[in-house]
Amino acid sequence: MHFGWSDLLSALALLLVLEGITPFLNPAAARRALERLMQLGDRELRTAGLVFMVTGVVLLFAVRS
């Protein structure tokens, strides 16, 4: 399989669209989520980041194969 720059930029564009939905539609909920995120410890935040990365890689391989 070959991933090119256009694939990477498409993924980044989609990420930005998805990340912008909640603040656009419900800014108060986005603010509450960010406040909760600030209360997490480093270990919890790293664990959540790892879970998201692994899930993303598995999903990417499942979709691309």
PDB file of N, CA and C in Angstrom:
ATOM      1  N   MET A   1       0.825  -1.181   0.000  1.00  0.00           N
ATOM      2  CA  MET A   1       0.000   0.000   0.000  1.00  0.00           C
ATOM      3  C   MET A   1       0.874   1.250   0.000  1.00  0.00           C
ATOM      4  N   HIS A   2       0.446   2.250  -0.706  1.00  0.00           N
ATOM      5  CA  HIS A   2       1.239   3.475  -0.799  1.00  0.00           C
ATOM      6  C   HIS A   2       0.415   4.653  -0.280  1.00  0.00           C
ATOM      7  N   PHE A   3       0.975   5.336   0.705  1.00  0.00           N
ATOM      8  CA  PHE A   3       0.328   6.531   1.236  1.00  0.00           C
ATOM      9  C   PHE A   3       1.099   7.738   0.735  1.00  0.00           C
ATOM     10  N   GLY A   4       0.419   8.657   0.121  1.00  0.00           N
ATOM     11  CA  GLY A   4       1.071   9.846  -0.405  1.00  0.00           C
ATOM     12  C   GLY A   4       0.716  11.078   0.412  1.00  0.00           C
ATOM     13  N   TRP A   5       1.295  12.204  -0.013  1.00  0.00           N
ATOM     14  CA  TRP A   5       1.040  13.479   0.658  1.00  0.00           C
ATOM     15  C   TRP A   5      -0.436  13.842   0.614  1.00  0.00           C
ATOM     16  N   SER A   6      -1.106  13.511  -0.479  1.00  0.00           N
ATOM     17  CA  SER A   6      -2.518  13.871  -0.573  1.00  0.00           C
ATOM     18  C   SER A   6      -3.343  13.083   0.446  1.00  0.00           C
ATOM     19  N   ASP A   7      -2.965  11.835   0.731  1.00  0.00           N
ATOM     20  CA  ASP A   7      -3.649  11.059   1.771  1.00  0.00           C
ATOM     21  C   ASP A   7      -3.445  11.695   3.143  1.00  0.00           C
ATOM     22  N   LEU A   8      -2.226  12.085   3.421  1.00  0.00           N
ATOM     23  CA  LEU A   8      -1.918  12.703   4.708  1.00  0.00           C
ATOM     24  C   LEU A   8      -2.667  14.023   4.874  1.00  0.00           C
ATOM     25  N   LEU A   9      -2.668  14.844   3.845  1.00  0.00           N
ATOM     26  CA  LEU A   9      -3.362  16.121   3.926  1.00  0.00           C
ATOM     27  C   LEU A   9      -4.876  15.930   3.994  1.00  0.00           C
ATOM     28  N   SER A  10      -5.399  14.925   3.316  1.00  0.00           N
ATOM     29  CA  SER A  10      -6.832  14.625   3.403  1.00  0.00           C
ATOM     30  C   SER A  10      -7.202  14.213   4.826  1.00  0.00           C
ATOM     31  N   ALA A  11      -6.372  13.388   5.442  1.00  0.00           N
ATOM     32  CA  ALA A  11      -6.617  12.958   6.821  1.00  0.00           C
ATOM     33  C   ALA A  11      -6.565  14.151   7.769  1.00  0.00           C
ATOM     34  N   LEU A  12      -5.606  15.035   7.570  1.00  0.00           N
ATOM     35  CA  LEU A  12      -5.492  16.228   8.410  1.00  0.00           C
ATOM     36  C   LEU A  12      -6.708  17.138   8.237  1.00  0.00           C
ATOM     37  N   ALA A  13      -7.148  17.300   7.005  1.00  0.00           N
ATOM     38  CA  ALA A  13      -8.329  18.121   6.740  1.00  0.00           C
ATOM     39  C   ALA A  13      -9.559  17.544   7.428  1.00  0.00           C
ATOM     40  N   LEU A  14      -9.736  16.227   7.337  1.00  0.00           N
ATOM     41  CA  LEU A  14     -10.872  15.581   7.984  1.00  0.00           C
ATOM     42  C   LEU A  14     -10.787  15.728   9.502  1.00  0.00           C
ATOM     43  N   LEU A  15      -9.598  15.601  10.057  1.00  0.00           N
ATOM     44  CA  LEU A  15      -9.400  15.793  11.491  1.00  0.00           C
ATOM     45  C   LEU A  15      -9.845  17.194  11.914  1.00  0.00           C
ATOM     46  N   LEU A  16      -9.444  18.206  11.153  1.00  0.00           N
ATOM     47  CA  LEU A  16      -9.816  19.585  11.483  1.00  0.00           C
ATOM     48  C   LEU A  16     -11.324  19.794  11.408  1.00  0.00           C
ATOM     49  N   VAL A  17     -11.962  19.203  10.407  1.00  0.00           N
ATOM     50  CA  VAL A  17     -13.421  19.308  10.291  1.00  0.00           C
ATOM     51  C   VAL A  17     -14.090  18.664  11.500  1.00  0.00           C
ATOM     52  N   LEU A  18     -13.676  17.450  11.843  1.00  0.00           N
ATOM     53  CA  LEU A  18     -14.281  16.744  12.969  1.00  0.00           C
ATOM     54  C   LEU A  18     -14.034  17.453  14.297  1.00  0.00           C
ATOM     55  N   GLU A  19     -12.830  17.972  14.481  1.00  0.00           N
ATOM     56  CA  GLU A  19     -12.507  18.677  15.721  1.00  0.00           C
ATOM     57  C   GLU A  19     -13.281  19.983  15.851  1.00  0.00           C
ATOM     58  N   GLY A  20     -13.675  20.561  14.738  1.00  0.00           N
ATOM     59  CA  GLY A  20     -14.381  21.837  14.773  1.00  0.00           C
ATOM     60  C   GLY A  20     -15.877  21.730  14.976  1.00  0.00           C
ATOM     61  N   ILE A  21     -16.431  20.532  14.847  1.00  0.00           N
ATOM     62  CA  ILE A  21     -17.891  20.376  14.930  1.00  0.00           C
ATOM     63  C   ILE A  21     -18.434  20.770  16.302  1.00  0.00           C
ATOM     64  N   THR A  22     -17.876  20.208  17.380  1.00  0.00           N
ATOM     65  CA  THR A  22     -18.413  20.493  18.715  1.00  0.00           C
ATOM     66  C   THR A  22     -18.277  21.967  19.108  1.00  0.00           C
ATOM     67  N   PRO A  23     -17.108  22.593  18.948  1.00  0.00           N
ATOM     68  CA  PRO A  23     -17.046  24.016  19.311  1.00  0.00           C
ATOM     69  C   PRO A  23     -17.993  24.893  18.481  1.00  0.00           C
ATOM     70  N   PHE A  24     -18.234  24.510  17.238  1.00  0.00           N
ATOM     71  CA  PHE A  24     -19.127  25.291  16.394  1.00  0.00           C
ATOM     72  C   PHE A  24     -20.581  25.121  16.827  1.00  0.00           C
ATOM     73  N   LEU A  25     -20.997  23.858  17.044  1.00  0.00           N
ATOM     74  CA  LEU A  25     -22.394  23.591  17.368  1.00  0.00           C
ATOM     75  C   LEU A  25     -22.742  23.847  18.833  1.00  0.00           C
ATOM     76  N   ASN A  26     -21.801  23.582  19.739  1.00  0.00           N
ATOM     77  CA  ASN A  26     -22.078  23.703  21.166  1.00  0.00           C
ATOM     78  C   ASN A  26     -20.824  24.176  21.908  1.00  0.00           C
ATOM     79  N   PRO A  27     -20.539  25.477  21.847  1.00  0.00           N
ATOM     80  CA  PRO A  27     -19.312  25.983  22.480  1.00  0.00           C
ATOM     81  C   PRO A  27     -19.250  25.735  23.990  1.00  0.00           C
ATOM     82  N   ALA A  28     -20.388  25.759  24.661  1.00  0.00           N
ATOM     83  CA  ALA A  28     -20.382  25.532  26.116  1.00  0.00           C
ATOM     84  C   ALA A  28     -19.925  24.105  26.438  1.00  0.00           C
ATOM     85  N   ALA A  29     -20.395  23.129  25.671  1.00  0.00           N
ATOM     86  CA  ALA A  29     -19.976  21.743  25.900  1.00  0.00           C
ATOM     87  C   ALA A  29     -18.492  21.578  25.587  1.00  0.00           C
ATOM     88  N   ALA A  30     -18.011  22.240  24.548  1.00  0.00           N
ATOM     89  CA  ALA A  30     -16.590  22.169  24.215  1.00  0.00           C
ATOM     90  C   ALA A  30     -15.754  22.763  25.346  1.00  0.00           C
ATOM     91  N   ARG A  31     -16.210  23.861  25.900  1.00  0.00           N
ATOM     92  CA  ARG A  31     -15.492  24.496  27.012  1.00  0.00           C
ATOM     93  C   ARG A  31     -15.457  23.572  28.229  1.00  0.00           C
ATOM     94  N   ARG A  32     -16.597  22.928  28.539  1.00  0.00           N
ATOM     95  CA  ARG A  32     -16.644  21.993  29.674  1.00  0.00           C
ATOM     96  C   ARG A  32     -15.703  20.811  29.449  1.00  0.00           C
ATOM     97  N   ALA A  33     -15.673  20.310  28.222  1.00  0.00           N
ATOM     98  CA  ALA A  33     -14.786  19.179  27.916  1.00  0.00           C
ATOM     99  C   ALA A  33     -13.322  19.579  28.083  1.00  0.00           C
ATOM    100  N   LEU A  34     -12.975  20.769  27.630  1.00  0.00           N
ATOM    101  CA  LEU A  34     -11.598  21.237  27.774  1.00  0.00           C
ATOM    102  C   LEU A  34     -11.238  21.469  29.243  1.00  0.00           C
ATOM    103  N   GLU A  35     -12.200  21.966  30.019  1.00  0.00           N
ATOM    104  CA  GLU A  35     -11.939  22.149  31.449  1.00  0.00           C
ATOM    105  C   GLU A  35     -11.694  20.797  32.118  1.00  0.00           C
ATOM    106  N   ARG A  36     -12.464  19.785  31.742  1.00  0.00           N
ATOM    107  CA  ARG A  36     -12.267  18.432  32.294  1.00  0.00           C
ATOM    108  C   ARG A  36     -10.915  17.867  31.873  1.00  0.00           C
ATOM    109  N   LEU A  37     -10.550  18.133  30.640  1.00  0.00           N
ATOM    110  CA  LEU A  37      -9.270  17.669  30.120  1.00  0.00           C
ATOM    111  C   LEU A  37      -8.113  18.271  30.915  1.00  0.00           C
ATOM    112  N   MET A  38      -8.251  19.523  31.305  1.00  0.00           N
ATOM    113  CA  MET A  38      -7.196  20.193  32.079  1.00  0.00           C
ATOM    114  C   MET A  38      -7.049  19.583  33.473  1.00  0.00           C
ATOM    115  N   GLN A  39      -8.075  18.910  33.967  1.00  0.00           N
ATOM    116  CA  GLN A  39      -8.026  18.315  35.303  1.00  0.00           C
ATOM    117  C   GLN A  39      -7.385  16.927  35.305  1.00  0.00           C
ATOM    118  N   LEU A  40      -7.202  16.337  34.140  1.00  0.00           N
ATOM    119  CA  LEU A  40      -6.601  15.005  34.066  1.00  0.00           C
ATOM    120  C   LEU A  40      -5.113  15.062  34.409  1.00  0.00           C
ATOM    121  N   GLY A  41      -4.643  14.016  35.029  1.00  0.00           N
ATOM    122  CA  GLY A  41      -3.217  13.913  35.303  1.00  0.00           C
ATOM    123  C   GLY A  41      -2.462  13.484  34.052  1.00  0.00           C
ATOM    124  N   ASP A  42      -1.144  13.601  34.101  1.00  0.00           N
ATOM    125  CA  ASP A  42      -0.322  13.226  32.948  1.00  0.00           C
ATOM    126  C   ASP A  42      -0.522  11.769  32.561  1.00  0.00           C
ATOM    127  N   ARG A  43      -0.589  10.903  33.536  1.00  0.00           N
ATOM    128  CA  ARG A  43      -0.747   9.465  33.249  1.00  0.00           C
ATOM    129  C   ARG A  43      -2.071   9.185  32.535  1.00  0.00           C
ATOM    130  N   GLU A  44      -3.166   9.774  33.029  1.00  0.00           N
ATOM    131  CA  GLU A  44      -4.475   9.573  32.399  1.00  0.00           C
ATOM    132  C   GLU A  44      -4.498  10.124  30.976  1.00  0.00           C
ATOM    133  N   LEU A  45      -3.900  11.282  30.798  1.00  0.00           N
ATOM    134  CA  LEU A  45      -3.870  11.923  29.484  1.00  0.00           C
ATOM    135  C   LEU A  45      -3.038  11.100  28.499  1.00  0.00           C
ATOM    136  N   ARG A  46      -1.894  10.597  28.948  1.00  0.00           N
ATOM    137  CA  ARG A  46      -1.066   9.751  28.079  1.00  0.00           C
ATOM    138  C   ARG A  46      -1.772   8.451  27.738  1.00  0.00           C
ATOM    139  N   THR A  47      -2.452   7.855  28.713  1.00  0.00           N
ATOM    140  CA  THR A  47      -3.192   6.621  28.455  1.00  0.00           C
ATOM    141  C   THR A  47      -4.288   6.868  27.419  1.00  0.00           C
ATOM    142  N   ALA A  48      -5.033   7.950  27.576  1.00  0.00           N
ATOM    143  CA  ALA A  48      -6.081   8.276  26.609  1.00  0.00           C
ATOM    144  C   ALA A  48      -5.473   8.510  25.224  1.00  0.00           C
ATOM    145  N   GLY A  49      -4.357   9.220  25.157  1.00  0.00           N
ATOM    146  CA  GLY A  49      -3.688   9.454  23.883  1.00  0.00           C
ATOM    147  C   GLY A  49      -3.248   8.162  23.227  1.00  0.00           C
ATOM    148  N   LEU A  50      -2.701   7.244  24.005  1.00  0.00           N
ATOM    149  CA  LEU A  50      -2.268   5.954  23.474  1.00  0.00           C
ATOM    150  C   LEU A  50      -3.462   5.152  22.950  1.00  0.00           C
ATOM    151  N   VAL A  51      -4.556   5.147  23.709  1.00  0.00           N
ATOM    152  CA  VAL A  51      -5.755   4.422  23.276  1.00  0.00           C
ATOM    153  C   VAL A  51      -6.272   4.993  21.954  1.00  0.00           C
ATOM    154  N   PHE A  52      -6.316   6.318  21.837  1.00  0.00           N
ATOM    155  CA  PHE A  52      -6.768   6.945  20.597  1.00  0.00           C
ATOM    156  C   PHE A  52      -5.842   6.615  19.432  1.00  0.00           C
ATOM    157  N   MET A  53      -4.540   6.648  19.653  1.00  0.00           N
ATOM    158  CA  MET A  53      -3.596   6.345  18.576  1.00  0.00           C
ATOM    159  C   MET A  53      -3.729   4.898  18.109  1.00  0.00           C
ATOM    160  N   VAL A  54      -3.770   3.959  19.054  1.00  0.00           N
ATOM    161  CA  VAL A  54      -3.882   2.545  18.689  1.00  0.00           C
ATOM    162  C   VAL A  54      -5.201   2.290  17.963  1.00  0.00           C
ATOM    163  N   THR A  55      -6.289   2.859  18.473  1.00  0.00           N
ATOM    164  CA  THR A  55      -7.586   2.707  17.812  1.00  0.00           C
ATOM    165  C   THR A  55      -7.547   3.269  16.397  1.00  0.00           C
ATOM    166  N   GLY A  56      -6.930   4.419  16.234  1.00  0.00           N
ATOM    167  CA  GLY A  56      -6.814   5.026  14.908  1.00  0.00           C
ATOM    168  C   GLY A  56      -6.007   4.180  13.942  1.00  0.00           C
ATOM    169  N   VAL A  57      -4.900   3.620  14.399  1.00  0.00           N
ATOM    170  CA  VAL A  57      -4.066   2.778  13.538  1.00  0.00           C
ATOM    171  C   VAL A  57      -4.817   1.511  13.139  1.00  0.00           C
ATOM    172  N   VAL A  58      -5.488   0.876  14.099  1.00  0.00           N
ATOM    173  CA  VAL A  58      -6.259  -0.331  13.797  1.00  0.00           C
ATOM    174  C   VAL A  58      -7.371  -0.016  12.800  1.00  0.00           C
ATOM    175  N   LEU A  59      -8.081   1.071  13.024  1.00  0.00           N
ATOM    176  CA  LEU A  59      -9.150   1.471  12.107  1.00  0.00           C
ATOM    177  C   LEU A  59      -8.610   1.791  10.722  1.00  0.00           C
ATOM    178  N   LEU A  60      -7.480   2.473  10.659  1.00  0.00           N
ATOM    179  CA  LEU A  60      -6.876   2.810   9.380  1.00  0.00           C
ATOM    180  C   LEU A  60      -6.496   1.550   8.595  1.00  0.00           C
ATOM    181  N   PHE A  61      -5.868   0.590   9.262  1.00  0.00           N
ATOM    182  CA  PHE A  61      -5.504  -0.642   8.588  1.00  0.00           C
ATOM    183  C   PHE A  61      -6.732  -1.446   8.160  1.00  0.00           C
ATOM    184  N   ALA A  62      -7.781  -1.419   8.998  1.00  0.00           N
ATOM    185  CA  ALA A  62      -9.000  -2.140   8.641  1.00  0.00           C
ATOM    186  C   ALA A  62      -9.668  -1.527   7.408  1.00  0.00           C
ATOM    187  N   VAL A  63      -9.671  -0.224   7.343  1.00  0.00           N
ATOM    188  CA  VAL A  63     -10.305   0.467   6.210  1.00  0.00           C
ATOM    189  C   VAL A  63      -9.469   0.342   4.960  1.00  0.00           C
ATOM    190  N   ARG A  64      -8.155   0.389   5.086  1.00  0.00           N
ATOM    191  CA  ARG A  64      -7.257   0.380   3.923  1.00  0.00           C
ATOM    192  C   ARG A  64      -6.966  -1.011   3.378  1.00  0.00           C
ATOM    193  N   SER A  65      -7.325  -2.066   4.106  1.00  0.00           N
ATOM    194  CA  SER A  65      -6.998  -3.408   3.607  1.00  0.00           C
ATOM    195  C   SER A  65      -8.158  -4.062   2.886  1.00  0.00           C
TER     196      SER A  65
END
